[in-house]
Amino acid sequence: MSAGTSSLIVATANDIDGRPVQDYLGIVSAEAVVRTSVATRRAARSPRRARARYATFENRICQARQEVIDEMCKSAAELGATAIIAVEITYTHVPLAQGNVLIVSASGTAVTL
């Protein structure tokens, strides 16, 4: 997160204990796409290569998740929010002819506390 968004509270809960919502500013959301074609014939022949490819894929998923959270925070900060509540992150697998992708999306409600 950038300096302007690092103080934002991000929570999956609908409220923050002891901090009543002052104003609801709207829904914020973001998406990221990750290619999932990590299994190759060469990797399938080598368990060590397969583990390395899956670790790389896991890292890409973590990066995508952080990207969508950061993008939501940026949008919320532009609205003047101090928190994003009711955050939901979803992962959607999409098979394509050129290879599969995973769509990581997040949404929540920007609020001031």
PDB file of N, CA and C in Angstrom:
ATOM      1  N   MET A   1       0.833  -1.179   0.000  1.00  0.00           N
ATOM      2  CA  MET A   1       0.000   0.000   0.000  1.00  0.00           C
ATOM      3  C   MET A   1       0.876   1.240   0.000  1.00  0.00           C
ATOM      4  N   SER A   2       0.383   2.273  -0.617  1.00  0.00           N
ATOM      5  CA  SER A   2       1.141   3.519  -0.631  1.00  0.00           C
ATOM      6  C   SER A   2       0.943   4.257   0.680  1.00  0.00           C
ATOM      7  N   ALA A   3       1.711   5.308   0.877  1.00  0.00           N
ATOM      8  CA  ALA A   3       1.657   6.049   2.144  1.00  0.00           C
ATOM      9  C   ALA A   3       0.260   6.575   2.431  1.00  0.00           C
ATOM     10  N   GLY A   4      -0.467   6.988   1.407  1.00  0.00           N
ATOM     11  CA  GLY A   4      -1.798   7.541   1.614  1.00  0.00           C
ATOM     12  C   GLY A   4      -2.841   6.514   1.992  1.00  0.00           C
ATOM     13  N   THR A   5      -2.581   5.245   1.685  1.00  0.00           N
ATOM     14  CA  THR A   5      -3.577   4.212   1.966  1.00  0.00           C
ATOM     15  C   THR A   5      -3.162   3.278   3.090  1.00  0.00           C
ATOM     16  N   SER A   6      -1.957   3.425   3.627  1.00  0.00           N
ATOM     17  CA  SER A   6      -1.469   2.474   4.627  1.00  0.00           C
ATOM     18  C   SER A   6      -2.225   2.553   5.948  1.00  0.00           C
ATOM     19  N   SER A   7      -2.918   3.647   6.213  1.00  0.00           N
ATOM     20  CA  SER A   7      -3.654   3.763   7.468  1.00  0.00           C
ATOM     21  C   SER A   7      -5.099   3.284   7.343  1.00  0.00           C
ATOM     22  N   LEU A   8      -5.508   2.859   6.152  1.00  0.00           N
ATOM     23  CA  LEU A   8      -6.861   2.346   5.970  1.00  0.00           C
ATOM     24  C   LEU A   8      -7.022   1.014   6.686  1.00  0.00           C
ATOM     25  N   ILE A   9      -8.147   0.850   7.346  1.00  0.00           N
ATOM     26  CA  ILE A   9      -8.495  -0.434   7.950  1.00  0.00           C
ATOM     27  C   ILE A   9      -9.226  -1.243   6.888  1.00  0.00           C
ATOM     28  N   VAL A  10      -8.820  -2.489   6.692  1.00  0.00           N
ATOM     29  CA  VAL A  10      -9.470  -3.379   5.736  1.00  0.00           C
ATOM     30  C   VAL A  10      -9.950  -4.590   6.520  1.00  0.00           C
ATOM     31  N   ALA A  11     -11.265  -4.846   6.475  1.00  0.00           N
ATOM     32  CA  ALA A  11     -11.826  -5.925   7.292  1.00  0.00           C
ATOM     33  C   ALA A  11     -12.920  -6.675   6.546  1.00  0.00           C
ATOM     34  N   THR A  12     -13.012  -7.972   6.829  1.00  0.00           N
ATOM     35  CA  THR A  12     -14.096  -8.765   6.263  1.00  0.00           C
ATOM     36  C   THR A  12     -15.385  -8.591   7.059  1.00  0.00           C
ATOM     37  N   ALA A  13     -15.277  -8.066   8.258  1.00  0.00           N
ATOM     38  CA  ALA A  13     -16.452  -7.849   9.113  1.00  0.00           C
ATOM     39  C   ALA A  13     -17.273  -6.663   8.596  1.00  0.00           C
ATOM     40  N   ASN A  14     -18.522  -6.598   9.022  1.00  0.00           N
ATOM     41  CA  ASN A  14     -19.405  -5.501   8.620  1.00  0.00           C
ATOM     42  C   ASN A  14     -19.229  -4.255   9.465  1.00  0.00           C
ATOM     43  N   ASP A  15     -18.455  -4.361  10.533  1.00  0.00           N
ATOM     44  CA  ASP A  15     -18.184  -3.197  11.379  1.00  0.00           C
ATOM     45  C   ASP A  15     -16.854  -3.416  12.089  1.00  0.00           C
ATOM     46  N   ILE A  16     -16.360  -2.355  12.703  1.00  0.00           N
ATOM     47  CA  ILE A  16     -15.106  -2.404  13.448  1.00  0.00           C
ATOM     48  C   ILE A  16     -15.456  -2.133  14.905  1.00  0.00           C
ATOM     49  N   ASP A  17     -15.116  -3.059  15.794  1.00  0.00           N
ATOM     50  CA  ASP A  17     -15.447  -2.908  17.214  1.00  0.00           C
ATOM     51  C   ASP A  17     -15.015  -1.552  17.751  1.00  0.00           C
ATOM     52  N   GLY A  18     -15.953  -0.872  18.392  1.00  0.00           N
ATOM     53  CA  GLY A  18     -15.663   0.401  19.038  1.00  0.00           C
ATOM     54  C   GLY A  18     -15.504   1.573  18.088  1.00  0.00           C
ATOM     55  N   ARG A  19     -15.728   1.372  16.795  1.00  0.00           N
ATOM     56  CA  ARG A  19     -15.566   2.438  15.806  1.00  0.00           C
ATOM     57  C   ARG A  19     -16.818   2.487  14.937  1.00  0.00           C
ATOM     58  N   PRO A  20     -17.838   3.227  15.338  1.00  0.00           N
ATOM     59  CA  PRO A  20     -19.070   3.266  14.545  1.00  0.00           C
ATOM     60  C   PRO A  20     -18.841   3.902  13.165  1.00  0.00           C
ATOM     61  N   VAL A  21     -19.552   3.393  12.183  1.00  0.00           N
ATOM     62  CA  VAL A  21     -19.472   3.944  10.828  1.00  0.00           C
ATOM     63  C   VAL A  21     -20.146   5.312  10.822  1.00  0.00           C
ATOM     64  N   GLN A  22     -19.417   6.319  10.355  1.00  0.00           N
ATOM     65  CA  GLN A  22     -19.955   7.676  10.259  1.00  0.00           C
ATOM     66  C   GLN A  22     -20.651   7.902   8.918  1.00  0.00           C
ATOM     67  N   ASP A  23     -20.047   7.345   7.847  1.00  0.00           N
ATOM     68  CA  ASP A  23     -20.601   7.572   6.513  1.00  0.00           C
ATOM     69  C   ASP A  23     -20.230   6.407   5.596  1.00  0.00           C
ATOM     70  N   TYR A  24     -21.190   5.972   4.804  1.00  0.00           N
ATOM     71  CA  TYR A  24     -20.963   4.941   3.797  1.00  0.00           C
ATOM     72  C   TYR A  24     -20.666   5.650   2.479  1.00  0.00           C
ATOM     73  N   LEU A  25     -19.512   5.381   1.897  1.00  0.00           N
ATOM     74  CA  LEU A  25     -19.073   6.109   0.711  1.00  0.00           C
ATOM     75  C   LEU A  25     -19.279   5.347  -0.592  1.00  0.00           C
ATOM     76  N   GLY A  26     -19.575   4.077  -0.509  1.00  0.00           N
ATOM     77  CA  GLY A  26     -19.830   3.298  -1.714  1.00  0.00           C
ATOM     78  C   GLY A  26     -18.987   2.041  -1.798  1.00  0.00           C
ATOM     79  N   ILE A  27     -19.272   1.270  -2.825  1.00  0.00           N
ATOM     80  CA  ILE A  27     -18.565   0.013  -3.062  1.00  0.00           C
ATOM     81  C   ILE A  27     -17.257   0.304  -3.788  1.00  0.00           C
ATOM     82  N   VAL A  28     -16.201  -0.371  -3.361  1.00  0.00           N
ATOM     83  CA  VAL A  28     -14.926  -0.334  -4.078  1.00  0.00           C
ATOM     84  C   VAL A  28     -14.586  -1.762  -4.477  1.00  0.00           C
ATOM     85  N   SER A  29     -13.960  -1.901  -5.637  1.00  0.00           N
ATOM     86  CA  SER A  29     -13.627  -3.246  -6.105  1.00  0.00           C
ATOM     87  C   SER A  29     -12.396  -3.195  -6.995  1.00  0.00           C
ATOM     88  N   ALA A  30     -11.823  -4.360  -7.215  1.00  0.00           N
ATOM     89  CA  ALA A  30     -10.661  -4.483  -8.092  1.00  0.00           C
ATOM     90  C   ALA A  30     -10.541  -5.928  -8.546  1.00  0.00           C
ATOM     91  N   GLU A  31      -9.878  -6.115  -9.679  1.00  0.00           N
ATOM     92  CA  GLU A  31      -9.675  -7.440 -10.236  1.00  0.00           C
ATOM     93  C   GLU A  31      -8.241  -7.584 -10.726  1.00  0.00           C
ATOM     94  N   ALA A  32      -7.770  -8.820 -10.727  1.00  0.00           N
ATOM     95  CA  ALA A  32      -6.466  -9.156 -11.300  1.00  0.00           C
ATOM     96  C   ALA A  32      -6.593 -10.527 -11.953  1.00  0.00           C
ATOM     97  N   VAL A  33      -5.829 -10.741 -13.008  1.00  0.00           N
ATOM     98  CA  VAL A  33      -5.872 -12.002 -13.741  1.00  0.00           C
ATOM     99  C   VAL A  33      -4.513 -12.690 -13.638  1.00  0.00           C
ATOM    100  N   VAL A  34      -4.548 -13.990 -13.332  1.00  0.00           N
ATOM    101  CA  VAL A  34      -3.329 -14.789 -13.200  1.00  0.00           C
ATOM    102  C   VAL A  34      -3.428 -15.973 -14.158  1.00  0.00           C
ATOM    103  N   ARG A  35      -2.413 -16.172 -14.978  1.00  0.00           N
ATOM    104  CA  ARG A  35      -2.380 -17.363 -15.839  1.00  0.00           C
ATOM    105  C   ARG A  35      -2.129 -18.585 -14.969  1.00  0.00           C
ATOM    106  N   THR A  36      -2.861 -19.670 -15.241  1.00  0.00           N
ATOM    107  CA  THR A  36      -2.738 -20.867 -14.403  1.00  0.00           C
ATOM    108  C   THR A  36      -2.059 -22.022 -15.112  1.00  0.00           C
ATOM    109  N   SER A  37      -1.587 -21.836 -16.300  1.00  0.00           N
ATOM    110  CA  SER A  37      -0.980 -22.946 -17.039  1.00  0.00           C
ATOM    111  C   SER A  37       0.436 -23.200 -16.536  1.00  0.00           C
ATOM    112  N   VAL A  38       0.511 -23.785 -15.336  1.00  0.00           N
ATOM    113  CA  VAL A  38       1.813 -24.064 -14.722  1.00  0.00           C
ATOM    114  C   VAL A  38       2.250 -25.504 -14.924  1.00  0.00           C
ATOM    115  N   ALA A  39       1.321 -26.379 -15.244  1.00  0.00           N
ATOM    116  CA  ALA A  39       1.674 -27.792 -15.412  1.00  0.00           C
ATOM    117  C   ALA A  39       2.101 -28.026 -16.855  1.00  0.00           C
ATOM    118  N   THR A  40       3.340 -28.354 -17.046  1.00  0.00           N
ATOM    119  CA  THR A  40       3.838 -28.692 -18.378  1.00  0.00           C
ATOM    120  C   THR A  40       4.274 -30.142 -18.367  1.00  0.00           C
ATOM    121  N   ARG A  41       4.464 -30.712 -19.565  1.00  0.00           N
ATOM    122  CA  ARG A  41       4.907 -32.113 -19.639  1.00  0.00           C
ATOM    123  C   ARG A  41       6.247 -32.293 -18.940  1.00  0.00           C
ATOM    124  N   ARG A  42       7.140 -31.326 -19.119  1.00  0.00           N
ATOM    125  CA  ARG A  42       8.456 -31.417 -18.496  1.00  0.00           C
ATOM    126  C   ARG A  42       8.324 -31.391 -16.972  1.00  0.00           C
ATOM    127  N   ALA A  43       7.478 -30.505 -16.439  1.00  0.00           N
ATOM    128  CA  ALA A  43       7.296 -30.418 -14.988  1.00  0.00           C
ATOM    129  C   ALA A  43       6.640 -31.687 -14.453  1.00  0.00           C
ATOM    130  N   ALA A  44       5.749 -32.274 -15.248  1.00  0.00           N
ATOM    131  CA  ALA A  44       5.061 -33.487 -14.804  1.00  0.00           C
ATOM    132  C   ALA A  44       6.044 -34.645 -14.636  1.00  0.00           C
ATOM    133  N   ARG A  45       7.130 -34.635 -15.394  1.00  0.00           N
ATOM    134  CA  ARG A  45       8.133 -35.695 -15.275  1.00  0.00           C
ATOM    135  C   ARG A  45       9.045 -35.510 -14.071  1.00  0.00           C
ATOM    136  N   SER A  46       9.068 -34.323 -13.515  1.00  0.00           N
ATOM    137  CA  SER A  46       9.973 -34.036 -12.406  1.00  0.00           C
ATOM    138  C   SER A  46       9.198 -33.439 -11.236  1.00  0.00           C
ATOM    139  N   PRO A  47       9.028 -34.205 -10.144  1.00  0.00           N
ATOM    140  CA  PRO A  47       8.307 -33.669  -8.988  1.00  0.00           C
ATOM    141  C   PRO A  47       8.932 -32.382  -8.452  1.00  0.00           C
ATOM    142  N   ARG A  48      10.255 -32.286  -8.513  1.00  0.00           N
ATOM    143  CA  ARG A  48      10.920 -31.078  -8.017  1.00  0.00           C
ATOM    144  C   ARG A  48      10.536 -29.863  -8.867  1.00  0.00           C
ATOM    145  N   ARG A  49      10.527 -30.031 -10.190  1.00  0.00           N
ATOM    146  CA  ARG A  49      10.111 -28.936 -11.077  1.00  0.00           C
ATOM    147  C   ARG A  49       8.649 -28.585 -10.853  1.00  0.00           C
ATOM    148  N   ALA A  50       7.819 -29.608 -10.669  1.00  0.00           N
ATOM    149  CA  ALA A  50       6.396 -29.356 -10.439  1.00  0.00           C
ATOM    150  C   ALA A  50       6.203 -28.549  -9.162  1.00  0.00           C
ATOM    151  N   ARG A  51       6.922 -28.921  -8.089  1.00  0.00           N
ATOM    152  CA  ARG A  51       6.810 -28.168  -6.826  1.00  0.00           C
ATOM    153  C   ARG A  51       7.239 -26.719  -7.024  1.00  0.00           C
ATOM    154  N   ALA A  52       8.319 -26.521  -7.761  1.00  0.00           N
ATOM    155  CA  ALA A  52       8.809 -25.158  -8.005  1.00  0.00           C
ATOM    156  C   ALA A  52       7.791 -24.357  -8.805  1.00  0.00           C
ATOM    157  N   ARG A  53       7.179 -24.979  -9.814  1.00  0.00           N
ATOM    158  CA  ARG A  53       6.173 -24.273 -10.617  1.00  0.00           C
ATOM    159  C   ARG A  53       4.946 -23.934  -9.773  1.00  0.00           C
ATOM    160  N   TYR A  54       4.515 -24.865  -8.927  1.00  0.00           N
ATOM    161  CA  TYR A  54       3.358 -24.582  -8.080  1.00  0.00           C
ATOM    162  C   TYR A  54       3.676 -23.502  -7.053  1.00  0.00           C
ATOM    163  N   ALA A  55       4.888 -23.498  -6.531  1.00  0.00           N
ATOM    164  CA  ALA A  55       5.284 -22.435  -5.593  1.00  0.00           C
ATOM    165  C   ALA A  55       5.253 -21.087  -6.299  1.00  0.00           C
ATOM    166  N   THR A  56       5.718 -21.053  -7.548  1.00  0.00           N
ATOM    167  CA  THR A  56       5.668 -19.817  -8.330  1.00  0.00           C
ATOM    168  C   THR A  56       4.222 -19.385  -8.533  1.00  0.00           C
ATOM    169  N   PHE A  57       3.351 -20.338  -8.847  1.00  0.00           N
ATOM    170  CA  PHE A  57       1.935 -20.034  -9.041  1.00  0.00           C
ATOM    171  C   PHE A  57       1.313 -19.509  -7.751  1.00  0.00           C
ATOM    172  N   GLU A  58       1.634 -20.134  -6.618  1.00  0.00           N
ATOM    173  CA  GLU A  58       1.120 -19.654  -5.327  1.00  0.00           C
ATOM    174  C   GLU A  58       1.574 -18.221  -5.070  1.00  0.00           C
ATOM    175  N   ASN A  59       2.819 -17.925  -5.399  1.00  0.00           N
ATOM    176  CA  ASN A  59       3.316 -16.555  -5.232  1.00  0.00           C
ATOM    177  C   ASN A  59       2.544 -15.579  -6.107  1.00  0.00           C
ATOM    178  N   ARG A  60       2.237 -15.991  -7.347  1.00  0.00           N
ATOM    179  CA  ARG A  60       1.467 -15.116  -8.237  1.00  0.00           C
ATOM    180  C   ARG A  60       0.066 -14.865  -7.687  1.00  0.00           C
ATOM    181  N   ILE A  61      -0.541 -15.886  -7.084  1.00  0.00           N
ATOM    182  CA  ILE A  61      -1.869 -15.704  -6.488  1.00  0.00           C
ATOM    183  C   ILE A  61      -1.785 -14.726  -5.320  1.00  0.00           C
ATOM    184  N   CYS A  62      -0.779 -14.884  -4.468  1.00  0.00           N
ATOM    185  CA  CYS A  62      -0.596 -13.957  -3.336  1.00  0.00           C
ATOM    186  C   CYS A  62      -0.378 -12.535  -3.827  1.00  0.00           C
ATOM    187  N   GLN A  63       0.429 -12.377  -4.870  1.00  0.00           N
ATOM    188  CA  GLN A  63       0.667 -11.050  -5.432  1.00  0.00           C
ATOM    189  C   GLN A  63      -0.618 -10.456  -5.990  1.00  0.00           C
ATOM    190  N   ALA A  64      -1.404 -11.277  -6.690  1.00  0.00           N
ATOM    191  CA  ALA A  64      -2.666 -10.798  -7.254  1.00  0.00           C
ATOM    192  C   ALA A  64      -3.625 -10.381  -6.146  1.00  0.00           C
ATOM    193  N   ARG A  65      -3.684 -11.166  -5.074  1.00  0.00           N
ATOM    194  CA  ARG A  65      -4.552 -10.814  -3.950  1.00  0.00           C
ATOM    195  C   ARG A  65      -4.127  -9.475  -3.354  1.00  0.00           C
ATOM    196  N   GLN A  66      -2.825  -9.281  -3.158  1.00  0.00           N
ATOM    197  CA  GLN A  66      -2.342  -8.015  -2.611  1.00  0.00           C
ATOM    198  C   GLN A  66      -2.612  -6.861  -3.570  1.00  0.00           C
ATOM    199  N   GLU A  67      -2.484  -7.108  -4.878  1.00  0.00           N
ATOM    200  CA  GLU A  67      -2.783  -6.073  -5.878  1.00  0.00           C
ATOM    201  C   GLU A  67      -4.224  -5.592  -5.767  1.00  0.00           C
ATOM    202  N   VAL A  68      -5.169  -6.547  -5.655  1.00  0.00           N
ATOM    203  CA  VAL A  68      -6.573  -6.126  -5.612  1.00  0.00           C
ATOM    204  C   VAL A  68      -6.879  -5.396  -4.308  1.00  0.00           C
ATOM    205  N   ILE A  69      -6.266  -5.814  -3.217  1.00  0.00           N
ATOM    206  CA  ILE A  69      -6.470  -5.101  -1.951  1.00  0.00           C
ATOM    207  C   ILE A  69      -5.895  -3.695  -2.054  1.00  0.00           C
ATOM    208  N   ASP A  70      -4.684  -3.573  -2.609  1.00  0.00           N
ATOM    209  CA  ASP A  70      -4.064  -2.254  -2.765  1.00  0.00           C
ATOM    210  C   ASP A  70      -4.902  -1.347  -3.662  1.00  0.00           C
ATOM    211  N   GLU A  71      -5.424  -1.909  -4.754  1.00  0.00           N
ATOM    212  CA  GLU A  71      -6.243  -1.114  -5.679  1.00  0.00           C
ATOM    213  C   GLU A  71      -7.538  -0.661  -5.007  1.00  0.00           C
ATOM    214  N   MET A  72      -8.153  -1.554  -4.216  1.00  0.00           N
ATOM    215  CA  MET A  72      -9.354  -1.153  -3.468  1.00  0.00           C
ATOM    216  C   MET A  72      -9.028  -0.028  -2.504  1.00  0.00           C
ATOM    217  N   CYS A  73      -7.898  -0.142  -1.807  1.00  0.00           N
ATOM    218  CA  CYS A  73      -7.493   0.893  -0.849  1.00  0.00           C
ATOM    219  C   CYS A  73      -7.270   2.223  -1.545  1.00  0.00           C
ATOM    220  N   LYS A  74      -6.671   2.183  -2.720  1.00  0.00           N
ATOM    221  CA  LYS A  74      -6.449   3.414  -3.488  1.00  0.00           C
ATOM    222  C   LYS A  74      -7.792   4.066  -3.829  1.00  0.00           C
ATOM    223  N   SER A  75      -8.736   3.267  -4.307  1.00  0.00           N
ATOM    224  CA  SER A  75     -10.065   3.795  -4.644  1.00  0.00           C
ATOM    225  C   SER A  75     -10.766   4.348  -3.414  1.00  0.00           C
ATOM    226  N   ALA A  76     -10.667   3.630  -2.300  1.00  0.00           N
ATOM    227  CA  ALA A  76     -11.312   4.075  -1.061  1.00  0.00           C
ATOM    228  C   ALA A  76     -10.684   5.370  -0.555  1.00  0.00           C
ATOM    229  N   ALA A  77      -9.361   5.472  -0.636  1.00  0.00           N
ATOM    230  CA  ALA A  77      -8.675   6.691  -0.192  1.00  0.00           C
ATOM    231  C   ALA A  77      -9.106   7.885  -1.038  1.00  0.00           C
ATOM    232  N   GLU A  78      -9.292   7.670  -2.338  1.00  0.00           N
ATOM    233  CA  GLU A  78      -9.755   8.749  -3.215  1.00  0.00           C
ATOM    234  C   GLU A  78     -11.147   9.232  -2.825  1.00  0.00           C
ATOM    235  N   LEU A  79     -11.939   8.349  -2.217  1.00  0.00           N
ATOM    236  CA  LEU A  79     -13.277   8.728  -1.742  1.00  0.00           C
ATOM    237  C   LEU A  79     -13.234   9.380  -0.362  1.00  0.00           C
ATOM    238  N   GLY A  80     -12.071   9.355   0.285  1.00  0.00           N
ATOM    239  CA  GLY A  80     -11.938   9.911   1.629  1.00  0.00           C
ATOM    240  C   GLY A  80     -12.243   8.919   2.728  1.00  0.00           C
ATOM    241  N   ALA A  81     -12.207   7.638   2.412  1.00  0.00           N
ATOM    242  CA  ALA A  81     -12.530   6.595   3.393  1.00  0.00           C
ATOM    243  C   ALA A  81     -11.411   6.419   4.410  1.00  0.00           C
ATOM    244  N   THR A  82     -11.799   5.941   5.584  1.00  0.00           N
ATOM    245  CA  THR A  82     -10.820   5.546   6.598  1.00  0.00           C
ATOM    246  C   THR A  82     -10.797   4.029   6.777  1.00  0.00           C
ATOM    247  N   ALA A  83     -11.757   3.343   6.134  1.00  0.00           N
ATOM    248  CA  ALA A  83     -11.811   1.881   6.233  1.00  0.00           C
ATOM    249  C   ALA A  83     -12.579   1.303   5.053  1.00  0.00           C
ATOM    250  N   ILE A  84     -12.334   0.023   4.822  1.00  0.00           N
ATOM    251  CA  ILE A  84     -13.145  -0.758   3.895  1.00  0.00           C
ATOM    252  C   ILE A  84     -13.659  -1.939   4.698  1.00  0.00           C
ATOM    253  N   ILE A  85     -14.973  -2.067   4.759  1.00  0.00           N
ATOM    254  CA  ILE A  85     -15.576  -3.156   5.524  1.00  0.00           C
ATOM    255  C   ILE A  85     -16.283  -4.124   4.579  1.00  0.00           C
ATOM    256  N   ALA A  86     -16.662  -5.265   5.116  1.00  0.00           N
ATOM    257  CA  ALA A  86     -17.376  -6.304   4.367  1.00  0.00           C
ATOM    258  C   ALA A  86     -16.597  -6.718   3.120  1.00  0.00           C
ATOM    259  N   VAL A  87     -15.288  -6.821   3.257  1.00  0.00           N
ATOM    260  CA  VAL A  87     -14.436  -7.186   2.122  1.00  0.00           C
ATOM    261  C   VAL A  87     -14.630  -8.662   1.792  1.00  0.00           C
ATOM    262  N   GLU A  88     -14.780  -8.927   0.516  1.00  0.00           N
ATOM    263  CA  GLU A  88     -14.890 -10.301   0.032  1.00  0.00           C
ATOM    264  C   GLU A  88     -13.918 -10.471  -1.127  1.00  0.00           C
ATOM    265  N   ILE A  89     -13.129 -11.520  -1.069  1.00  0.00           N
ATOM    266  CA  ILE A  89     -12.184 -11.834  -2.138  1.00  0.00           C
ATOM    267  C   ILE A  89     -12.619 -13.155  -2.756  1.00  0.00           C
ATOM    268  N   THR A  90     -12.740 -13.168  -4.080  1.00  0.00           N
ATOM    269  CA  THR A  90     -13.158 -14.385  -4.772  1.00  0.00           C
ATOM    270  C   THR A  90     -12.117 -14.769  -5.821  1.00  0.00           C
ATOM    271  N   TYR A  91     -12.100 -16.062  -6.107  1.00  0.00           N
ATOM    272  CA  TYR A  91     -11.188 -16.621  -7.093  1.00  0.00           C
ATOM    273  C   TYR A  91     -12.036 -17.387  -8.102  1.00  0.00           C
ATOM    274  N   THR A  92     -11.934 -17.016  -9.376  1.00  0.00           N
ATOM    275  CA  THR A  92     -12.733 -17.650 -10.413  1.00  0.00           C
ATOM    276  C   THR A  92     -11.817 -18.230 -11.484  1.00  0.00           C
ATOM    277  N   HIS A  93     -11.937 -19.528 -11.713  1.00  0.00           N
ATOM    278  CA  HIS A  93     -11.146 -20.207 -12.745  1.00  0.00           C
ATOM    279  C   HIS A  93     -11.880 -20.079 -14.077  1.00  0.00           C
ATOM    280  N   VAL A  94     -11.158 -19.629 -15.102  1.00  0.00           N
ATOM    281  CA  VAL A  94     -11.750 -19.472 -16.429  1.00  0.00           C
ATOM    282  C   VAL A  94     -10.908 -20.259 -17.437  1.00  0.00           C
ATOM    283  N   PRO A  95     -11.479 -21.331 -18.010  1.00  0.00           N
ATOM    284  CA  PRO A  95     -10.739 -22.082 -19.027  1.00  0.00           C
ATOM    285  C   PRO A  95     -10.800 -21.349 -20.373  1.00  0.00           C
ATOM    286  N   LEU A  96      -9.651 -21.167 -20.985  1.00  0.00           N
ATOM    287  CA  LEU A  96      -9.564 -20.518 -22.291  1.00  0.00           C
ATOM    288  C   LEU A  96      -8.793 -21.421 -23.244  1.00  0.00           C
ATOM    289  N   ALA A  97      -8.976 -21.219 -24.533  1.00  0.00           N
ATOM    290  CA  ALA A  97      -8.270 -22.029 -25.526  1.00  0.00           C
ATOM    291  C   ALA A  97      -6.758 -21.850 -25.421  1.00  0.00           C
ATOM    292  N   GLN A  98      -6.298 -20.647 -25.076  1.00  0.00           N
ATOM    293  CA  GLN A  98      -4.867 -20.364 -24.998  1.00  0.00           C
ATOM    294  C   GLN A  98      -4.272 -20.710 -23.641  1.00  0.00           C
ATOM    295  N   GLY A  99      -5.039 -21.243 -22.735  1.00  0.00           N
ATOM    296  CA  GLY A  99      -4.578 -21.547 -21.382  1.00  0.00           C
ATOM    297  C   GLY A  99      -5.557 -20.986 -20.376  1.00  0.00           C
ATOM    298  N   ASN A 100      -5.555 -21.542 -19.211  1.00  0.00           N
ATOM    299  CA  ASN A 100      -6.508 -21.138 -18.184  1.00  0.00           C
ATOM    300  C   ASN A 100      -6.028 -19.903 -17.434  1.00  0.00           C
ATOM    301  N   VAL A 101      -6.994 -19.166 -16.891  1.00  0.00           N
ATOM    302  CA  VAL A 101      -6.660 -18.019 -16.051  1.00  0.00           C
ATOM    303  C   VAL A 101      -7.464 -18.105 -14.762  1.00  0.00           C
ATOM    304  N   LEU A 102      -6.955 -17.452 -13.757  1.00  0.00           N
ATOM    305  CA  LEU A 102      -7.641 -17.318 -12.484  1.00  0.00           C
ATOM    306  C   LEU A 102      -7.895 -15.832 -12.290  1.00  0.00           C
ATOM    307  N   ILE A 103      -9.145 -15.467 -12.086  1.00  0.00           N
ATOM    308  CA  ILE A 103      -9.485 -14.073 -11.834  1.00  0.00           C
ATOM    309  C   ILE A 103      -9.621 -13.900 -10.330  1.00  0.00           C
ATOM    310  N   VAL A 104      -8.837 -12.997  -9.781  1.00  0.00           N
ATOM    311  CA  VAL A 104      -8.903 -12.664  -8.360  1.00  0.00           C
ATOM    312  C   VAL A 104      -9.633 -11.338  -8.275  1.00  0.00           C
ATOM    313  N   SER A 105     -10.754 -11.326  -7.568  1.00  0.00           N
ATOM    314  CA  SER A 105     -11.508 -10.078  -7.445  1.00  0.00           C
ATOM    315  C   SER A 105     -11.828  -9.818  -5.981  1.00  0.00           C
ATOM    316  N   ALA A 106     -11.917  -8.548  -5.659  1.00  0.00           N
ATOM    317  CA  ALA A 106     -12.229  -8.148  -4.289  1.00  0.00           C
ATOM    318  C   ALA A 106     -13.198  -6.987  -4.332  1.00  0.00           C
ATOM    319  N   SER A 107     -14.079  -6.955  -3.348  1.00  0.00           N
ATOM    320  CA  SER A 107     -14.991  -5.822  -3.219  1.00  0.00           C
ATOM    321  C   SER A 107     -15.277  -5.604  -1.742  1.00  0.00           C
ATOM    322  N   GLY A 108     -15.657  -4.390  -1.438  1.00  0.00           N
ATOM    323  CA  GLY A 108     -15.986  -4.030  -0.071  1.00  0.00           C
ATOM    324  C   GLY A 108     -16.671  -2.676  -0.059  1.00  0.00           C
ATOM    325  N   THR A 109     -17.028  -2.225   1.120  1.00  0.00           N
ATOM    326  CA  THR A 109     -17.700  -0.942   1.276  1.00  0.00           C
ATOM    327  C   THR A 109     -16.742   0.059   1.895  1.00  0.00           C
ATOM    328  N   ALA A 110     -16.518   1.160   1.184  1.00  0.00           N
ATOM    329  CA  ALA A 110     -15.667   2.232   1.696  1.00  0.00           C
ATOM    330  C   ALA A 110     -16.484   3.047   2.698  1.00  0.00           C
ATOM    331  N   VAL A 111     -15.907   3.290   3.876  1.00  0.00           N
ATOM    332  CA  VAL A 111     -16.612   4.021   4.931  1.00  0.00           C
ATOM    333  C   VAL A 111     -15.656   4.982   5.634  1.00  0.00           C
ATOM    334  N   THR A 112     -16.247   5.914   6.361  1.00  0.00           N
ATOM    335  CA  THR A 112     -15.466   6.713   7.308  1.00  0.00           C
ATOM    336  C   THR A 112     -15.900   6.291   8.696  1.00  0.00           C
ATOM    337  N   LEU A 113     -14.927   6.178   9.578  1.00  0.00           N
ATOM    338  CA  LEU A 113     -15.208   5.768  10.959  1.00  0.00           C
ATOM    339  C   LEU A 113     -15.095   6.966  11.872  1.00  0.00           C
TER     340      LEU A 113
END
